[in-house]
C-alpha atoms as a PDB file:
ATOM      1  CA  UNK A   1      54.484 214.031 140.774  1.00  0.00           C
ATOM      2  CA  UNK A   2      51.645 212.815 143.045  1.00  0.00           C
ATOM      3  CA  UNK A   3      49.347 210.128 141.640  1.00  0.00           C
ATOM      4  CA  UNK A   4      45.753 211.067 140.960  1.00  0.00           C
ATOM      5  CA  UNK A   5      43.327 209.277 143.219  1.00  0.00           C
ATOM      6  CA  UNK A   6      39.883 208.039 142.265  1.00  0.00           C
ATOM      7  CA  UNK A   7      38.420 210.884 144.315  1.00  0.00           C
ATOM      8  CA  UNK A   8      40.483 213.406 142.329  1.00  0.00           C
ATOM      9  CA  UNK A   9      39.224 211.922 139.074  1.00  0.00           C
ATOM     10  CA  UNK A  10      35.608 212.053 140.244  1.00  0.00           C
ATOM     11  CA  UNK A  11      35.993 215.680 141.349  1.00  0.00           C
ATOM     12  CA  UNK A  12      37.361 216.555 137.919  1.00  0.00           C
ATOM     13  CA  UNK A  13      34.483 214.735 136.226  1.00  0.00           C
ATOM     14  CA  UNK A  14      31.979 216.648 138.371  1.00  0.00           C
ATOM     15  CA  UNK A  15      33.658 219.941 137.429  1.00  0.00           C
ATOM     16  CA  UNK A  16      33.452 219.062 133.745  1.00  0.00           C
ATOM     17  CA  UNK A  17      29.772 218.128 134.004  1.00  0.00           C
ATOM     18  CA  UNK A  18      28.944 221.325 135.913  1.00  0.00           C
ATOM     19  CA  UNK A  19      30.842 223.411 133.365  1.00  0.00           C
ATOM     20  CA  UNK A  20      29.113 221.670 130.443  1.00  0.00           C
ATOM     21  CA  UNK A  21      25.713 222.425 131.989  1.00  0.00           C
ATOM     22  CA  UNK A  22      26.603 226.128 132.217  1.00  0.00           C
ATOM     23  CA  UNK A  23      28.076 226.387 128.717  1.00  0.00           C
ATOM     24  CA  UNK A  24      25.425 224.275 126.968  1.00  0.00           C
ATOM     25  CA  UNK A  25      22.752 226.412 128.668  1.00  0.00           C
ATOM     26  CA  UNK A  26      24.381 229.667 127.526  1.00  0.00           C
ATOM     27  CA  UNK A  27      25.544 228.758 124.034  1.00  0.00           C
ATOM     28  CA  UNK A  28      23.553 225.695 123.047  1.00  0.00           C
ATOM     29  CA  UNK A  29      24.957 222.259 122.313  1.00  0.00           C
ATOM     30  CA  UNK A  30      25.969 222.800 118.696  1.00  0.00           C
ATOM     31  CA  UNK A  31      27.802 226.081 119.312  1.00  0.00           C
ATOM     32  CA  UNK A  32      29.764 224.699 122.267  1.00  0.00           C
ATOM     33  CA  UNK A  33      33.188 223.134 121.806  1.00  0.00           C
ATOM     34  CA  UNK A  34      35.113 220.951 124.217  1.00  0.00           C
ATOM     35  CA  UNK A  35      37.611 223.803 124.428  1.00  0.00           C
ATOM     36  CA  UNK A  36      34.821 226.054 125.746  1.00  0.00           C
ATOM     37  CA  UNK A  37      33.940 223.477 128.392  1.00  0.00           C
ATOM     38  CA  UNK A  38      37.575 222.884 129.341  1.00  0.00           C
ATOM     39  CA  UNK A  39      38.087 226.619 129.798  1.00  0.00           C
ATOM     40  CA  UNK A  40      34.944 226.914 131.930  1.00  0.00           C
ATOM     41  CA  UNK A  41      35.963 223.938 134.075  1.00  0.00           C
ATOM     42  CA  UNK A  42      39.578 225.036 134.384  1.00  0.00           C
ATOM     43  CA  UNK A  43      40.887 221.750 132.967  1.00  0.00           C
ATOM     44  CA  UNK A  44      42.599 220.619 129.788  1.00  0.00           C
ATOM     45  CA  UNK A  45      40.862 219.036 126.798  1.00  0.00           C
ATOM     46  CA  UNK A  46      42.850 215.938 127.649  1.00  0.00           C
ATOM     47  CA  UNK A  47      41.100 215.773 131.011  1.00  0.00           C
ATOM     48  CA  UNK A  48      37.748 215.806 129.233  1.00  0.00           C
ATOM     49  CA  UNK A  49      38.816 213.009 126.872  1.00  0.00           C
ATOM     50  CA  UNK A  50      39.963 211.005 129.880  1.00  0.00           C
ATOM     51  CA  UNK A  51      36.346 210.860 131.083  1.00  0.00           C
ATOM     52  CA  UNK A  52      34.302 211.239 127.881  1.00  0.00           C
ATOM     53  CA  UNK A  53      34.736 209.920 124.355  1.00  0.00           C
ATOM     54  CA  UNK A  54      33.290 213.044 122.754  1.00  0.00           C
ATOM     55  CA  UNK A  55      30.806 215.877 123.236  1.00  0.00           C
ATOM     56  CA  UNK A  56      27.779 213.639 122.622  1.00  0.00           C
ATOM     57  CA  UNK A  57      28.809 211.270 125.423  1.00  0.00           C
ATOM     58  CA  UNK A  58      29.374 214.266 127.687  1.00  0.00           C
ATOM     59  CA  UNK A  59      25.829 215.508 127.005  1.00  0.00           C
ATOM     60  CA  UNK A  60      24.313 212.100 127.773  1.00  0.00           C
ATOM     61  CA  UNK A  61      26.312 211.763 130.986  1.00  0.00           C
ATOM     62  CA  UNK A  62      25.034 215.209 131.912  1.00  0.00           C
ATOM     63  CA  UNK A  63      21.459 213.998 131.323  1.00  0.00           C
ATOM     64  CA  UNK A  64      22.074 211.064 133.683  1.00  0.00           C
ATOM     65  CA  UNK A  65      23.594 213.372 136.292  1.00  0.00           C
ATOM     66  CA  UNK A  66      20.626 215.739 136.138  1.00  0.00           C
ATOM     67  CA  UNK A  67      18.166 212.827 136.355  1.00  0.00           C
ATOM     68  CA  UNK A  68      19.951 211.552 139.454  1.00  0.00           C
ATOM     69  CA  UNK A  69      20.111 215.001 141.047  1.00  0.00           C
ATOM     70  CA  UNK A  70      16.381 215.555 140.528  1.00  0.00           C
ATOM     71  CA  UNK A  71      15.425 212.149 141.888  1.00  0.00           C
ATOM     72  CA  UNK A  72      14.063 210.704 138.633  1.00  0.00           C
ATOM     73  CA  UNK A  73      16.261 207.624 138.657  1.00  0.00           C
ATOM     74  CA  UNK A  74      16.314 206.235 142.189  1.00  0.00           C
ATOM     75  CA  UNK A  75      12.702 205.010 142.474  1.00  0.00           C
ATOM     76  CA  UNK A  76      12.768 203.496 138.990  1.00  0.00           C
ATOM     77  CA  UNK A  77      16.007 201.641 139.721  1.00  0.00           C
ATOM     78  CA  UNK A  78      14.612 200.379 143.024  1.00  0.00           C
ATOM     79  CA  UNK A  79      11.393 199.260 141.329  1.00  0.00           C
ATOM     80  CA  UNK A  80      13.442 197.269 138.801  1.00  0.00           C
ATOM     81  CA  UNK A  81      15.441 195.564 141.554  1.00  0.00           C
ATOM     82  CA  UNK A  82      14.264 191.955 141.966  1.00  0.00           C
ATOM     83  CA  UNK A  83      14.704 192.306 145.751  1.00  0.00           C
ATOM     84  CA  UNK A  84      12.204 195.183 145.975  1.00  0.00           C
ATOM     85  CA  UNK A  85       9.034 194.073 147.784  1.00  0.00           C
ATOM     86  CA  UNK A  86       6.824 196.922 146.499  1.00  0.00           C
ATOM     87  CA  UNK A  87       7.879 197.464 142.878  1.00  0.00           C
ATOM     88  CA  UNK A  88       4.536 198.941 141.826  1.00  0.00           C
ATOM     89  CA  UNK A  89       4.665 201.432 144.696  1.00  0.00           C
ATOM     90  CA  UNK A  90       8.195 202.465 143.695  1.00  0.00           C
ATOM     91  CA  UNK A  91       7.101 202.770 140.080  1.00  0.00           C
ATOM     92  CA  UNK A  92       4.266 205.048 141.130  1.00  0.00           C
ATOM     93  CA  UNK A  93       6.713 207.163 143.162  1.00  0.00           C
ATOM     94  CA  UNK A  94       8.885 207.411 140.054  1.00  0.00           C
ATOM     95  CA  UNK A  95       5.949 208.700 138.013  1.00  0.00           C
ATOM     96  CA  UNK A  96       4.973 211.188 140.726  1.00  0.00           C
ATOM     97  CA  UNK A  97       8.572 212.445 140.960  1.00  0.00           C
ATOM     98  CA  UNK A  98       7.955 214.166 137.616  1.00  0.00           C
ATOM     99  CA  UNK A  99       5.582 216.536 139.430  1.00  0.00           C
ATOM    100  CA  UNK A 100       7.975 217.557 142.212  1.00  0.00           C
ATOM    101  CA  UNK A 101       9.289 221.114 142.596  1.00  0.00           C
ATOM    102  CA  UNK A 102      12.723 219.889 141.476  1.00  0.00           C
ATOM    103  CA  UNK A 103      11.191 218.330 138.379  1.00  0.00           C
ATOM    104  CA  UNK A 104       9.299 221.491 137.458  1.00  0.00           C
ATOM    105  CA  UNK A 105      12.502 223.539 137.802  1.00  0.00           C
ATOM    106  CA  UNK A 106      14.227 220.999 135.575  1.00  0.00           C
ATOM    107  CA  UNK A 107      11.541 221.267 132.869  1.00  0.00           C
ATOM    108  CA  UNK A 108      11.850 225.067 132.982  1.00  0.00           C
ATOM    109  CA  UNK A 109      15.636 224.996 132.571  1.00  0.00           C
ATOM    110  CA  UNK A 110      17.482 226.038 129.434  1.00  0.00           C
ATOM    111  CA  UNK A 111      19.340 222.735 129.205  1.00  0.00           C
ATOM    112  CA  UNK A 112      16.183 220.610 128.974  1.00  0.00           C
ATOM    113  CA  UNK A 113      14.891 222.906 126.220  1.00  0.00           C
ATOM    114  CA  UNK A 114      18.177 222.416 124.405  1.00  0.00           C
ATOM    115  CA  UNK A 115      18.003 218.626 124.788  1.00  0.00           C
ATOM    116  CA  UNK A 116      14.402 218.638 123.596  1.00  0.00           C
ATOM    117  CA  UNK A 117      15.396 220.624 120.503  1.00  0.00           C
ATOM    118  CA  UNK A 118      18.156 218.129 119.723  1.00  0.00           C
ATOM    119  CA  UNK A 119      15.731 215.208 119.993  1.00  0.00           C
ATOM    120  CA  UNK A 120      13.218 216.801 117.613  1.00  0.00           C
ATOM    121  CA  UNK A 121      15.655 218.195 115.026  1.00  0.00           C
ATOM    122  CA  UNK A 122      15.928 216.045 111.906  1.00  0.00           C
ATOM    123  CA  UNK A 123      19.505 217.218 111.205  1.00  0.00           C
ATOM    124  CA  UNK A 124      20.900 216.631 114.706  1.00  0.00           C
ATOM    125  CA  UNK A 125      24.265 214.938 115.108  1.00  0.00           C
ATOM    126  CA  UNK A 126      23.434 211.215 114.670  1.00  0.00           C
ATOM    127  CA  UNK A 127      25.815 210.316 117.512  1.00  0.00           C
ATOM    128  CA  UNK A 128      23.810 212.487 119.892  1.00  0.00           C
ATOM    129  CA  UNK A 129      20.501 211.084 118.687  1.00  0.00           C
ATOM    130  CA  UNK A 130      21.812 207.529 119.042  1.00  0.00           C
ATOM    131  CA  UNK A 131      23.051 208.111 122.587  1.00  0.00           C
ATOM    132  CA  UNK A 132      19.841 209.839 123.659  1.00  0.00           C
ATOM    133  CA  UNK A 133      17.931 206.883 122.192  1.00  0.00           C
ATOM    134  CA  UNK A 134      20.088 204.585 124.320  1.00  0.00           C
ATOM    135  CA  UNK A 135      19.101 206.569 127.413  1.00  0.00           C
ATOM    136  CA  UNK A 136      15.432 206.146 126.512  1.00  0.00           C
ATOM    137  CA  UNK A 137      15.947 202.432 125.921  1.00  0.00           C
ATOM    138  CA  UNK A 138      17.583 202.038 129.318  1.00  0.00           C
ATOM    139  CA  UNK A 139      14.582 203.742 130.950  1.00  0.00           C
ATOM    140  CA  UNK A 140      12.202 201.470 129.043  1.00  0.00           C
ATOM    141  CA  UNK A 141      14.198 198.423 130.172  1.00  0.00           C
ATOM    142  CA  UNK A 142      13.914 199.480 133.821  1.00  0.00           C
ATOM    143  CA  UNK A 143      10.157 200.078 133.529  1.00  0.00           C
ATOM    144  CA  UNK A 144       9.693 196.617 132.026  1.00  0.00           C
ATOM    145  CA  UNK A 145      11.761 195.046 134.800  1.00  0.00           C
ATOM    146  CA  UNK A 146       9.709 196.913 137.407  1.00  0.00           C
ATOM    147  CA  UNK A 147       6.444 195.668 135.878  1.00  0.00           C
ATOM    148  CA  UNK A 148       7.764 192.100 135.771  1.00  0.00           C
ATOM    149  CA  UNK A 149       8.678 192.458 139.448  1.00  0.00           C
ATOM    150  CA  UNK A 150       5.132 193.614 140.139  1.00  0.00           C
ATOM    151  CA  UNK A 151       3.796 190.484 138.438  1.00  0.00           C
ATOM    152  CA  UNK A 152       6.150 188.315 140.490  1.00  0.00           C
ATOM    153  CA  UNK A 153       4.917 189.980 143.691  1.00  0.00           C
ATOM    154  CA  UNK A 154       1.297 189.549 142.558  1.00  0.00           C
ATOM    155  CA  UNK A 155       0.696 193.286 142.353  1.00  0.00           C
ATOM    156  CA  UNK A 156      -0.260 192.790 138.701  1.00  0.00           C
ATOM    157  CA  UNK A 157      -2.068 189.829 137.093  1.00  0.00           C
ATOM    158  CA  UNK A 158      -0.078 187.021 135.501  1.00  0.00           C
ATOM    159  CA  UNK A 159      -1.444 187.883 132.041  1.00  0.00           C
ATOM    160  CA  UNK A 160      -0.535 191.564 132.361  1.00  0.00           C
ATOM    161  CA  UNK A 161       0.895 192.965 129.112  1.00  0.00           C
ATOM    162  CA  UNK A 162       4.330 194.288 130.082  1.00  0.00           C
ATOM    163  CA  UNK A 163       5.057 195.907 126.707  1.00  0.00           C
ATOM    164  CA  UNK A 164       1.744 197.756 126.592  1.00  0.00           C
ATOM    165  CA  UNK A 165       2.052 198.722 130.260  1.00  0.00           C
ATOM    166  CA  UNK A 166       5.493 200.154 129.598  1.00  0.00           C
ATOM    167  CA  UNK A 167       4.190 202.219 126.696  1.00  0.00           C
ATOM    168  CA  UNK A 168       1.291 203.383 128.880  1.00  0.00           C
ATOM    169  CA  UNK A 169       3.666 204.733 131.536  1.00  0.00           C
ATOM    170  CA  UNK A 170       6.153 206.209 129.070  1.00  0.00           C
ATOM    171  CA  UNK A 171       3.371 208.139 127.336  1.00  0.00           C
ATOM    172  CA  UNK A 172       2.128 209.293 130.739  1.00  0.00           C
ATOM    173  CA  UNK A 173       5.403 210.821 131.946  1.00  0.00           C
ATOM    174  CA  UNK A 174       6.632 211.941 128.518  1.00  0.00           C
ATOM    175  CA  UNK A 175       3.394 213.772 127.802  1.00  0.00           C
ATOM    176  CA  UNK A 176       3.624 215.553 131.143  1.00  0.00           C
ATOM    177  CA  UNK A 177       7.260 216.477 130.493  1.00  0.00           C
ATOM    178  CA  UNK A 178       6.564 217.756 126.973  1.00  0.00           C
ATOM    179  CA  UNK A 179       3.699 219.951 128.187  1.00  0.00           C
ATOM    180  CA  UNK A 180       5.840 221.496 130.899  1.00  0.00           C
ATOM    181  CA  UNK A 181       8.725 222.132 128.515  1.00  0.00           C
ATOM    182  CA  UNK A 182       6.322 223.887 126.124  1.00  0.00           C
ATOM    183  CA  UNK A 183       4.709 226.087 128.792  1.00  0.00           C
ATOM    184  CA  UNK A 184       7.629 227.160 130.968  1.00  0.00           C
ATOM    185  CA  UNK A 185       6.463 230.813 130.981  1.00  0.00           C
ATOM    186  CA  UNK A 186       3.056 230.140 132.518  1.00  0.00           C
ATOM    187  CA  UNK A 187       2.131 231.651 135.870  1.00  0.00           C
ATOM    188  CA  UNK A 188       2.953 229.764 139.054  1.00  0.00           C
ATOM    189  CA  UNK A 189      -0.767 229.140 139.632  1.00  0.00           C
ATOM    190  CA  UNK A 190      -0.916 227.378 136.253  1.00  0.00           C
ATOM    191  CA  UNK A 191       2.065 225.235 137.236  1.00  0.00           C
ATOM    192  CA  UNK A 192       0.315 224.221 140.447  1.00  0.00           C
ATOM    193  CA  UNK A 193      -2.786 223.299 138.460  1.00  0.00           C
ATOM    194  CA  UNK A 194      -0.745 221.126 136.084  1.00  0.00           C
ATOM    195  CA  UNK A 195       0.954 219.402 139.034  1.00  0.00           C
ATOM    196  CA  UNK A 196      -2.381 218.681 140.733  1.00  0.00           C
ATOM    197  CA  UNK A 197      -3.883 217.415 137.484  1.00  0.00           C
ATOM    198  CA  UNK A 198      -0.876 215.205 136.720  1.00  0.00           C
ATOM    199  CA  UNK A 199      -0.975 213.650 140.195  1.00  0.00           C
ATOM    200  CA  UNK A 200      -4.647 212.817 139.673  1.00  0.00           C
ATOM    201  CA  UNK A 201      -3.839 211.276 136.289  1.00  0.00           C
ATOM    202  CA  UNK A 202      -1.060 209.161 137.852  1.00  0.00           C
ATOM    203  CA  UNK A 203      -3.482 207.897 140.503  1.00  0.00           C
ATOM    204  CA  UNK A 204      -5.974 206.947 137.804  1.00  0.00           C
ATOM    205  CA  UNK A 205      -3.273 205.372 135.624  1.00  0.00           C
ATOM    206  CA  UNK A 206      -2.097 203.065 138.400  1.00  0.00           C
ATOM    207  CA  UNK A 207      -5.669 202.072 139.259  1.00  0.00           C
ATOM    208  CA  UNK A 208      -6.333 201.073 135.637  1.00  0.00           C
ATOM    209  CA  UNK A 209      -2.876 199.598 134.982  1.00  0.00           C
ATOM    210  CA  UNK A 210      -3.816 196.087 136.240  1.00  0.00           C
ATOM    211  CA  UNK A 211      -6.621 196.005 133.650  1.00  0.00           C
ATOM    212  CA  UNK A 212      -4.127 196.097 130.798  1.00  0.00           C
ATOM    213  CA  UNK A 213      -3.863 192.440 129.857  1.00  0.00           C
ATOM    214  CA  UNK A 214      -3.023 190.292 126.882  1.00  0.00           C
ATOM    215  CA  UNK A 215      -6.094 189.275 124.899  1.00  0.00           C
ATOM    216  CA  UNK A 216      -6.226 186.424 122.402  1.00  0.00           C
ATOM    217  CA  UNK A 217      -5.603 188.669 119.416  1.00  0.00           C
ATOM    218  CA  UNK A 218      -4.278 191.886 120.862  1.00  0.00           C
ATOM    219  CA  UNK A 219      -3.806 193.856 124.040  1.00  0.00           C
ATOM    220  CA  UNK A 220      -6.996 195.202 125.551  1.00  0.00           C
ATOM    221  CA  UNK A 221      -8.346 196.674 128.755  1.00  0.00           C
ATOM    222  CA  UNK A 222     -10.279 193.905 130.462  1.00  0.00           C
ATOM    223  CA  UNK A 223     -13.552 195.094 131.980  1.00  0.00           C
ATOM    224  CA  UNK A 224     -13.355 198.583 130.472  1.00  0.00           C
ATOM    225  CA  UNK A 225     -15.869 200.014 128.057  1.00  0.00           C
ATOM    226  CA  UNK A 226     -14.956 198.868 124.482  1.00  0.00           C
ATOM    227  CA  UNK A 227     -14.652 202.510 123.425  1.00  0.00           C
ATOM    228  CA  UNK A 228     -11.452 202.717 125.468  1.00  0.00           C
ATOM    229  CA  UNK A 229     -10.054 199.302 124.484  1.00  0.00           C
END
């Protein structure tokens, strides 16, 4: 019997992920079994367990795969790399990637609606919620690393508040994502308007980002009207 190569294993994993995307989109996460996915992929359940601990891990790996395919991850990872010379520029590209055509198709997809429902349901499988939280934490970690890189490269002031800056950017992209998930049936002209508006907001956010510094008592925007601090 011929030995399986690494390439064979990766092809099988890709088939399983593609099949899970199709089945989760059709049936929803909760109504889908690993048997359903194995049948769709043309593999055994054992092959799935070789690559994934359970269905919740499979879903989270699918989220990572989709993020990579739609270009959400690459700029953020590069921004967090200590060797990157323009971390703030890469971070801005990451934010703007959420307004690309690929991103808008992603927000309109059935699978992202399903994932969003899982996140907001109080009775969701705790293993799924925990793993999705881990994905969010990994994104937060990368944003913080990117902001620290920007401080090192003097793109941000030394007293810049990394934690507040991270929250600022997470709210920015999450709010945009949530809006687009909620309004997937709007006309194309409305989508274009939202994209244009979001790009303008990103430009403004990165112009004001350096103002977010650590005050003596709390974080505040230095040099901005107190109403906004």
